[in-house]
N, C-alpha and C. Protein backbone atom coordinates (compact mmCIF):
# COMPACT_ATOMS: atom_id res chain seq x y z
N ILE A 1 0.88 -1.23 -0.17
CA ILE A 1 0.02 -0.13 0.05
C ILE A 1 0.83 1.36 0.08
N PRO A 2 0.56 2.10 -0.84
CA PRO A 2 1.39 3.42 -0.71
C PRO A 2 1.17 4.23 0.43
N HIS A 3 2.31 4.58 0.82
CA HIS A 3 2.29 5.59 2.17
C HIS A 3 1.07 6.42 2.27
N THR A 4 0.84 7.32 1.14
CA THR A 4 -0.43 8.14 1.39
C THR A 4 -1.58 7.63 1.46
N LEU A 5 -1.89 6.52 0.88
CA LEU A 5 -3.12 5.74 0.86
C LEU A 5 -3.23 5.16 2.46
N ALA A 6 -2.01 4.57 2.95
CA ALA A 6 -2.09 3.96 4.53
C ALA A 6 -2.32 5.22 5.21
N ILE A 7 -1.98 6.39 5.27
CA ILE A 7 -2.44 7.67 6.12
C ILE A 7 -3.76 7.90 5.79
N GLU A 8 -4.20 7.66 4.69
CA GLU A 8 -5.68 8.04 4.60
C GLU A 8 -6.69 6.97 5.35
N ILE A 9 -6.04 5.70 5.18
CA ILE A 9 -7.08 4.73 5.49
C ILE A 9 -6.93 4.90 7.25
N LYS A 10 -5.68 5.06 8.00
CA LYS A 10 -5.51 5.23 9.28
C LYS A 10 -6.46 6.18 9.70
N ARG A 11 -6.46 7.47 8.99
CA ARG A 11 -7.33 8.72 9.34
C ARG A 11 -8.80 8.26 9.42
N GLU A 12 -9.16 7.45 8.51
CA GLU A 12 -10.62 7.07 8.36
C GLU A 12 -11.10 6.19 9.60
N LEU A 13 -10.19 5.22 9.85
CA LEU A 13 -10.35 4.29 10.77
C LEU A 13 -10.40 4.87 12.15
N SER A 14 -9.30 5.99 12.32
CA SER A 14 -9.59 6.77 13.77
C SER A 14 -10.71 7.68 13.95
N VAL A 15 -11.53 7.93 12.69
CA VAL A 15 -12.75 8.46 12.71
C VAL A 15 -13.92 7.75 13.20
N TYR A 16 -13.70 6.35 12.80
CA TYR A 16 -14.69 5.43 13.39
C TYR A 16 -14.44 5.01 14.88
N PHE A 17 -13.29 4.56 15.03
CA PHE A 17 -12.85 4.12 16.39
C PHE A 17 -12.50 5.31 17.08
N LYS A 18 -13.13 5.34 18.51
CA LYS A 18 -12.51 6.53 19.33
C LYS A 18 -11.20 6.36 19.62
N LYS A 19 -10.61 7.39 19.94
CA LYS A 19 -9.12 7.65 20.33
C LYS A 19 -8.75 6.36 21.25
N ASN A 20 -9.35 6.21 22.14
CA ASN A 20 -8.99 5.27 23.09
C ASN A 20 -9.06 3.89 22.70
N THR A 21 -10.15 3.46 22.04
CA THR A 21 -10.34 2.08 21.44
C THR A 21 -9.23 2.06 20.25
N TYR A 22 -9.10 2.95 19.62
CA TYR A 22 -8.01 2.91 18.41
C TYR A 22 -6.81 2.53 19.10
N TYR A 23 -6.28 3.32 20.09
CA TYR A 23 -5.01 2.80 20.79
C TYR A 23 -4.97 1.59 21.33
N ARG A 24 -6.07 1.07 22.04
CA ARG A 24 -6.09 -0.10 22.62
C ARG A 24 -6.04 -1.23 21.57
N ILE A 25 -6.64 -1.06 20.22
CA ILE A 25 -6.72 -2.16 19.29
C ILE A 25 -5.26 -2.12 18.82
N ARG A 26 -4.46 -0.93 18.59
CA ARG A 26 -3.28 -0.95 17.88
C ARG A 26 -2.24 -1.49 18.90
N ASN A 27 -2.45 -1.67 20.06
CA ASN A 27 -1.52 -2.16 21.23
C ASN A 27 -1.90 -3.55 21.51
N LYS A 28 -3.03 -4.01 20.80
CA LYS A 28 -3.28 -5.43 21.10
C LYS A 28 -3.91 -5.70 22.42
N GLU A 29 -4.67 -4.74 22.89
CA GLU A 29 -5.24 -4.74 24.26
C GLU A 29 -6.52 -5.12 24.09
N ARG A 30 -7.18 -4.85 22.78
CA ARG A 30 -8.69 -5.26 22.57
C ARG A 30 -8.71 -5.86 21.12
N LEU A 31 -9.68 -6.92 20.98
CA LEU A 31 -9.79 -7.66 19.79
C LEU A 31 -10.54 -6.86 18.68
N ILE A 32 -10.54 -7.21 17.60
CA ILE A 32 -11.42 -6.34 16.38
C ILE A 32 -12.75 -7.19 16.22
N LYS A 33 -13.76 -6.60 16.51
CA LYS A 33 -14.88 -7.67 16.27
C LYS A 33 -15.14 -8.08 14.67
N PRO A 34 -15.85 -9.03 14.56
CA PRO A 34 -16.08 -9.21 12.85
C PRO A 34 -16.86 -7.97 12.19
N SER A 35 -17.72 -7.43 13.16
CA SER A 35 -18.16 -6.05 12.15
C SER A 35 -17.25 -5.08 11.90
N GLU A 36 -16.09 -5.02 12.86
CA GLU A 36 -15.02 -4.08 12.66
C GLU A 36 -14.27 -4.40 11.52
N GLN A 37 -14.04 -5.79 11.49
CA GLN A 37 -13.11 -6.24 10.52
C GLN A 37 -13.78 -6.04 9.11
N GLU A 38 -15.10 -6.30 8.91
CA GLU A 38 -15.86 -6.04 7.79
C GLU A 38 -15.56 -4.36 7.63
N LEU A 39 -15.81 -3.53 8.30
CA LEU A 39 -15.69 -2.15 8.07
C LEU A 39 -14.12 -1.74 7.59
N ILE A 40 -13.27 -2.30 7.96
CA ILE A 40 -11.85 -2.31 7.53
C ILE A 40 -11.70 -2.82 6.09
N ARG A 41 -12.25 -4.06 5.92
CA ARG A 41 -12.37 -4.55 4.32
C ARG A 41 -12.96 -3.64 3.48
N TRP A 42 -14.32 -3.11 3.88
CA TRP A 42 -14.94 -2.13 3.27
C TRP A 42 -13.93 -0.87 2.88
N ASN A 43 -13.08 -0.34 3.83
CA ASN A 43 -12.49 0.78 3.65
C ASN A 43 -11.48 0.44 2.55
N TYR A 44 -10.91 -0.65 2.71
CA TYR A 44 -9.93 -1.15 1.51
C TYR A 44 -10.34 -1.10 0.08
N ILE A 45 -11.54 -1.59 -0.07
CA ILE A 45 -12.41 -1.89 -1.06
C ILE A 45 -12.72 -0.38 -1.80
N GLN A 46 -13.05 0.61 -0.80
CA GLN A 46 -13.31 1.98 -1.19
C GLN A 46 -12.12 2.60 -1.90
N LYS A 47 -10.86 2.33 -1.39
CA LYS A 47 -9.75 2.72 -1.73
C LYS A 47 -9.15 2.28 -2.90
N GLY A 48 -9.82 1.25 -3.48
CA GLY A 48 -9.27 0.64 -4.79
C GLY A 48 -8.32 -0.55 -4.46
N ILE A 49 -8.12 -1.09 -3.21
CA ILE A 49 -7.15 -1.99 -2.76
C ILE A 49 -7.90 -3.48 -2.82
N THR A 50 -7.22 -4.35 -3.80
CA THR A 50 -7.84 -5.58 -3.99
C THR A 50 -7.31 -6.60 -3.15
N GLU A 51 -6.33 -6.48 -2.47
CA GLU A 51 -5.67 -7.35 -1.45
C GLU A 51 -6.43 -7.38 -0.16
N GLU A 52 -6.74 -8.71 0.14
CA GLU A 52 -7.52 -8.81 1.61
C GLU A 52 -6.61 -8.43 2.70
N PRO A 53 -7.27 -7.46 3.66
CA PRO A 53 -6.52 -7.20 4.86
C PRO A 53 -6.03 -8.26 5.70
N VAL A 54 -4.92 -8.26 6.29
CA VAL A 54 -4.36 -9.39 6.88
C VAL A 54 -4.39 -8.92 8.64
N PHE A 55 -4.98 -9.71 9.26
CA PHE A 55 -4.94 -9.51 10.69
C PHE A 55 -4.04 -10.54 11.52
N ASP A 56 -3.48 -10.15 12.77
CA ASP A 56 -2.61 -10.89 13.43
C ASP A 56 -3.06 -12.21 13.62
N LYS A 57 -4.23 -12.48 14.19
CA LYS A 57 -4.70 -13.79 14.34
C LYS A 57 -6.26 -13.84 14.52
N TYR A 58 -6.62 -15.21 14.66
CA TYR A 58 -8.21 -15.22 14.76
C TYR A 58 -8.47 -16.22 16.07
N ILE A 59 -9.52 -15.65 16.95
CA ILE A 59 -9.94 -16.03 17.85
C ILE A 59 -11.13 -16.29 17.89
N GLU A 60 -12.01 -17.45 18.05
CA GLU A 60 -13.37 -17.78 18.03
C GLU A 60 -13.68 -17.87 19.31
N GLN A 61 -14.51 -17.14 20.07
CA GLN A 61 -15.13 -17.22 21.32
C GLN A 61 -16.81 -16.77 21.40
N TYR A 62 -17.30 -17.23 22.32
CA TYR A 62 -18.77 -16.83 22.32
C TYR A 62 -18.78 -15.52 23.49
N ASP A 63 -20.02 -14.59 23.00
CA ASP A 63 -20.42 -13.50 23.78
C ASP A 63 -21.51 -13.95 24.36
N TRP A 64 -21.12 -14.13 25.81
CA TRP A 64 -22.47 -14.43 26.42
C TRP A 64 -23.04 -13.45 26.99
């Protein structure tokens, strides 16, 4: 991804996620929910990026 495009994507994601939430996700203190992953994928598609975003790991759990 070109640097200017990465900066633009980061800016748009910081609008969606609150500052504290964005910080916790970036520092791996909070997981990204499936709906949030879809938002990130949609953001990539809107910017014309055809590659699928790669996340660090996949954890399956139940939300009781």
